[in-house]
Amino acid sequence: MRQKIVAGNWKMNNDKNQTEVLISGIKEEIKDLSLDNTRVIISPSFINLESAVKSTEGSSIEVVAQNMHQAKSGAYTGEVSADMLKSIGIKTVILGHSERRTYFGETDEILAEKVNAVLENDLETIFCFGELLEDRKSDNHFNVVESQLKNALFHLEAKDWASIVLAYEPVWAIGTGETASAEQAQEMHAFIRSIVADKYNAEVAEAVSILYGGSVKPANAEEIFSKPDVDGGLIGGAALKASDFSAIIKAI
């Protein structure tokens, strides 16, 4: 059975104290939940990762990084390596978020290098991808998604997919209040699973968790998560409030 995952991407929000308060609130909200086969993930900023790891010890909450550089070390001012993350207990890295692609120029080729670095360091990645509004309006969204996956991930071997979680994010629905309908999400998730099966095999495709990211909130989470190929969500704004995030976790 595929794992269900609710992952909160905190982006550039929360100082150290706010991080600790939010973690405490989430822990309190979900302490009595049965989370069999469900992973709860949070992704604070780099400078708060170590304290977050300590704050979540003994809980069901995993702490992951929002990004990682592909080089082992070197003259890359402001960047963070796999070894640095591993040294503080981080095991998973979000890669390819649309904001990294848009604001920081990350291409499919760069992301392929980052994915390689993740795997070489025995880490896991939550790999993000998705189409722009113009792609959706021009009926090119399936082609865009397929290209992003092929360029960044389809050089991998089948065994590598044990360390891959996919996160489909229609860029037009991130932080806009717009959300793909549950049917649109299911349609794309089923398509994604089909192209993974075509490239590898049905076993790989059925095992990979595919998350939906794009203005998921308590009001729509249950409907979206009810679809057979939607295995959870990568949550933005709603992850910054303990009660909202926990409501989304309960919805899955």
Protein backbone atom coordinates (compact mmCIF):
# COMPACT_ATOMS: atom_id res chain seq x y z
CA MET A 1 0.00 0.00 0.00
CA ARG A 2 1.31 3.44 -0.96
CA GLN A 3 2.15 5.77 1.89
CA LYS A 4 -0.15 8.70 2.55
CA ILE A 5 1.77 11.93 3.12
CA VAL A 6 0.83 15.40 4.37
CA ALA A 7 3.84 17.70 4.00
CA GLY A 8 3.94 21.33 5.09
CA ASN A 9 6.24 23.60 3.11
CA TRP A 10 6.79 26.60 5.36
CA LYS A 11 8.81 28.51 2.73
CA MET A 12 10.48 31.70 4.06
CA ASN A 13 8.29 32.02 7.14
CA ASN A 14 8.75 31.75 10.92
CA ASP A 15 11.71 32.69 13.08
CA LYS A 16 13.11 30.27 15.67
CA ASN A 17 10.48 30.99 18.32
CA GLN A 18 7.61 30.90 15.84
CA THR A 19 8.92 27.59 14.52
CA GLU A 20 8.95 26.06 17.98
CA VAL A 21 5.47 27.39 18.79
CA LEU A 22 4.03 26.00 15.55
CA ILE A 23 5.64 22.60 16.08
CA SER A 24 4.27 22.49 19.61
CA GLY A 25 0.81 23.32 18.32
CA ILE A 26 0.89 20.63 15.63
CA LYS A 27 2.11 18.03 18.10
CA GLU A 28 -0.74 18.86 20.45
CA GLU A 29 -3.33 18.78 17.64
CA ILE A 30 -2.33 15.35 16.31
CA LYS A 31 -1.20 13.60 19.49
CA ASP A 32 -4.23 11.32 19.61
CA LEU A 33 -4.40 10.53 15.89
CA SER A 34 -3.75 7.07 14.52
CA LEU A 35 -1.27 7.67 11.71
CA ASP A 36 -0.81 4.16 10.34
CA ASN A 37 0.68 4.41 6.85
CA THR A 38 0.52 8.23 7.02
CA ARG A 39 3.59 10.47 7.18
CA VAL A 40 3.40 13.97 8.64
CA ILE A 41 6.16 16.24 7.34
CA ILE A 42 7.17 19.83 8.02
CA SER A 43 9.78 21.89 6.21
CA PRO A 44 11.06 24.92 8.13
CA SER A 45 13.76 27.29 6.88
CA PHE A 46 17.38 26.13 6.83
CA ILE A 47 18.38 27.99 9.99
CA ASN A 48 15.58 26.38 11.99
CA LEU A 49 16.01 22.81 10.79
CA GLU A 50 18.24 21.62 13.63
CA SER A 51 16.02 23.03 16.38
CA ALA A 52 12.97 21.59 14.58
CA VAL A 53 14.57 18.14 14.51
CA LYS A 54 15.15 18.37 18.25
CA SER A 55 11.63 19.68 18.89
CA THR A 56 10.04 16.77 17.03
CA GLU A 57 12.06 13.98 18.64
CA GLY A 58 9.78 11.22 19.86
CA SER A 59 6.86 12.49 17.78
CA SER A 60 5.37 11.31 14.48
CA ILE A 61 6.49 14.50 12.71
CA GLU A 62 9.36 14.37 10.19
CA VAL A 63 11.48 17.42 9.39
CA VAL A 64 12.70 17.92 5.82
CA ALA A 65 14.68 20.58 3.94
CA GLN A 66 13.25 22.93 1.32
CA ASN A 67 16.23 22.68 -1.03
CA MET A 68 19.80 21.39 -1.40
CA HIS A 69 22.77 22.17 -3.60
CA GLN A 70 24.03 19.43 -5.90
CA ALA A 71 27.73 19.86 -5.07
CA LYS A 72 29.37 18.11 -2.13
CA SER A 73 31.14 21.30 -1.05
CA GLY A 74 32.88 24.33 -2.53
CA ALA A 75 32.58 28.00 -3.39
CA TYR A 76 28.78 28.20 -3.45
CA THR A 77 28.03 31.08 -1.10
CA GLY A 78 24.72 30.73 0.68
CA GLU A 79 24.13 27.13 -0.36
CA VAL A 80 23.66 23.98 1.71
CA SER A 81 25.01 20.50 0.94
CA ALA A 82 23.74 16.99 1.57
CA ASP A 83 26.38 16.36 4.21
CA MET A 84 25.32 19.47 6.11
CA LEU A 85 21.70 18.33 6.13
CA LYS A 86 22.55 14.77 7.10
CA SER A 87 24.71 16.01 9.97
CA ILE A 88 21.63 17.46 11.70
CA GLY A 89 19.37 14.49 11.02
CA ILE A 90 17.65 15.52 7.78
CA LYS A 91 16.75 12.59 5.52
CA THR A 92 14.47 14.18 2.92
CA VAL A 93 14.74 17.21 0.64
CA ILE A 94 12.11 19.06 -1.39
CA LEU A 95 13.40 19.73 -4.91
CA GLY A 96 11.99 21.50 -7.95
CA HIS A 97 9.40 23.71 -6.29
CA SER A 98 7.94 26.17 -8.79
CA GLU A 99 9.33 29.08 -6.78
CA ARG A 100 12.84 27.63 -7.10
CA ARG A 101 12.29 27.22 -10.83
CA THR A 102 10.79 30.69 -11.31
CA TYR A 103 12.79 32.90 -8.94
CA PHE A 104 16.13 31.08 -8.93
CA GLY A 105 16.32 29.71 -12.46
CA GLU A 106 16.41 26.02 -11.62
CA THR A 107 16.11 24.07 -14.86
CA ASP A 108 15.26 20.41 -15.42
CA GLU A 109 18.96 19.80 -16.01
CA ILE A 110 19.96 21.37 -12.69
CA LEU A 111 17.23 19.41 -10.95
CA ALA A 112 18.46 16.16 -12.48
CA GLU A 113 21.86 16.88 -10.90
CA LYS A 114 20.22 17.62 -7.56
CA VAL A 115 18.21 14.40 -7.70
CA ASN A 116 21.42 12.50 -8.42
CA ALA A 117 23.07 14.14 -5.40
CA VAL A 118 20.13 13.20 -3.19
CA LEU A 119 20.34 9.56 -4.22
CA GLU A 120 24.13 9.42 -3.97
CA ASN A 121 23.80 10.59 -0.37
CA ASP A 122 21.08 8.07 0.54
CA LEU A 123 18.48 10.78 0.95
CA GLU A 124 14.88 10.95 -0.25
CA THR A 125 13.35 13.71 -2.37
CA ILE A 126 9.88 15.17 -2.66
CA PHE A 127 10.12 16.22 -6.30
CA CYS A 128 7.86 19.07 -7.42
CA PHE A 129 6.63 19.82 -10.93
CA GLY A 130 3.60 21.31 -12.66
CA GLU A 131 2.29 23.55 -15.40
CA LEU A 132 1.73 27.30 -15.70
CA LEU A 133 -1.70 28.80 -16.33
CA GLU A 134 -0.91 29.38 -20.00
CA ASP A 135 0.02 25.70 -20.35
CA ARG A 136 -3.33 24.68 -18.90
CA LYS A 137 -5.27 27.14 -21.06
CA SER A 138 -3.49 25.97 -24.22
CA ASP A 139 -4.17 22.33 -23.34
CA ASN A 140 -0.43 21.70 -23.10
CA HIS A 141 -0.36 20.74 -19.43
CA PHE A 142 0.13 17.01 -19.96
CA ASN A 143 3.09 17.64 -22.28
CA VAL A 144 4.72 20.05 -19.81
CA VAL A 145 4.39 17.64 -16.89
CA GLU A 146 5.67 14.70 -18.92
CA SER A 147 8.68 16.74 -20.09
CA GLN A 148 9.56 17.85 -16.56
CA LEU A 149 9.48 14.28 -15.29
CA LYS A 150 11.39 12.82 -18.22
CA ASN A 151 14.13 15.47 -18.12
CA ALA A 152 14.74 15.33 -14.36
CA LEU A 153 13.86 11.79 -13.31
CA PHE A 154 13.64 9.31 -16.17
CA HIS A 155 17.39 8.71 -16.27
CA LEU A 156 17.04 6.93 -12.92
CA GLU A 157 16.94 3.19 -12.45
CA ALA A 158 13.76 1.54 -11.22
CA LYS A 159 15.29 0.85 -7.80
CA ASP A 160 15.93 4.57 -7.29
CA TRP A 161 12.21 5.28 -7.18
CA ALA A 162 12.04 3.93 -3.65
CA SER A 163 13.55 7.30 -2.68
CA ILE A 164 11.22 9.46 -4.80
CA VAL A 165 7.97 11.12 -3.76
CA LEU A 166 6.24 13.12 -6.51
CA ALA A 167 4.40 16.39 -5.86
CA TYR A 168 2.24 17.71 -8.67
CA GLU A 169 1.73 21.46 -8.34
CA PRO A 170 -0.33 23.33 -10.90
CA VAL A 171 1.57 26.63 -10.65
CA TRP A 172 -1.61 28.62 -11.28
CA ALA A 173 -3.05 27.23 -8.06
CA ILE A 174 -0.15 28.02 -5.70
CA GLY A 175 -0.90 30.86 -3.32
CA THR A 176 -3.65 32.18 -5.60
CA GLY A 177 -6.66 30.72 -3.84
CA GLU A 178 -7.39 28.84 -7.06
CA THR A 179 -7.41 25.08 -6.76
CA ALA A 180 -7.58 22.37 -9.35
CA SER A 181 -10.82 20.48 -8.91
CA ALA A 182 -10.57 17.05 -7.35
CA GLU A 183 -11.34 15.64 -10.78
CA GLN A 184 -8.54 17.67 -12.42
CA ALA A 185 -6.12 16.52 -9.73
CA GLN A 186 -7.10 12.89 -10.21
CA GLU A 187 -6.83 13.17 -13.99
CA MET A 188 -3.27 14.48 -13.78
CA HIS A 189 -2.20 12.08 -11.03
CA ALA A 190 -3.49 9.12 -13.05
CA PHE A 191 -1.60 10.44 -16.09
CA ILE A 192 1.60 10.78 -14.06
CA ARG A 193 1.29 7.24 -12.77
CA SER A 194 0.71 5.99 -16.31
CA ILE A 195 3.87 7.56 -17.73
CA VAL A 196 5.95 6.21 -14.85
CA ALA A 197 4.49 2.77 -15.61
CA ASP A 198 5.29 3.18 -19.31
CA LYS A 199 8.90 4.12 -18.56
CA TYR A 200 9.49 1.55 -15.82
CA ASN A 201 6.72 -0.87 -14.85
CA ALA A 202 3.40 -1.03 -13.04
CA GLU A 203 5.07 -2.03 -9.78
CA VAL A 204 7.15 1.17 -9.66
CA ALA A 205 4.17 3.30 -10.68
CA GLU A 206 1.86 1.81 -8.09
CA ALA A 207 4.42 2.19 -5.31
CA VAL A 208 5.27 5.88 -5.77
CA SER A 209 3.31 8.37 -3.68
CA ILE A 210 2.02 11.35 -5.67
CA LEU A 211 1.03 14.45 -3.70
CA TYR A 212 -1.13 17.34 -4.83
CA GLY A 213 0.14 20.86 -4.10
CA GLY A 214 -1.94 23.93 -4.79
CA SER A 215 -4.07 25.77 -2.22
CA VAL A 216 -5.09 22.67 -0.28
CA LYS A 217 -7.01 23.71 2.82
CA PRO A 218 -9.31 22.08 5.39
CA ALA A 219 -12.39 22.82 3.28
CA ASN A 220 -11.23 20.92 0.19
CA ALA A 221 -8.67 18.41 1.52
CA GLU A 222 -11.05 15.50 2.06
CA GLU A 223 -12.47 15.67 -1.46
CA ILE A 224 -9.03 15.93 -3.08
CA PHE A 225 -7.54 13.15 -0.94
CA SER A 226 -10.47 10.85 -1.71
CA LYS A 227 -9.28 10.39 -5.31
CA PRO A 228 -7.55 7.05 -5.91
CA ASP A 229 -4.28 8.41 -7.33
CA VAL A 230 -3.89 11.33 -4.90
CA ASP A 231 -1.75 10.16 -2.00
CA GLY A 232 -1.65 13.35 0.03
CA GLY A 233 -0.65 16.96 -0.24
CA LEU A 234 2.24 19.40 -0.24
CA ILE A 235 0.70 22.19 1.80
CA GLY A 236 1.74 25.85 1.71
CA GLY A 237 -0.21 28.56 3.54
CA ALA A 238 -2.45 26.19 5.49
CA ALA A 239 0.65 24.51 6.96
CA LEU A 240 1.48 27.68 8.90
CA LYS A 241 -1.49 27.32 11.25
CA ALA A 242 -1.54 24.28 13.53
CA SER A 243 -5.32 23.87 13.49
CA ASP A 244 -5.53 24.05 9.68
CA PHE A 245 -2.61 21.71 9.13
CA SER A 246 -3.97 19.19 11.59
CA ALA A 247 -7.40 19.37 9.94
CA ILE A 248 -5.78 18.47 6.63
CA ILE A 249 -3.95 15.58 8.29
CA LYS A 250 -7.26 14.36 9.72
CA ALA A 251 -8.82 14.59 6.25
CA ILE A 252 -6.45 12.00 4.88
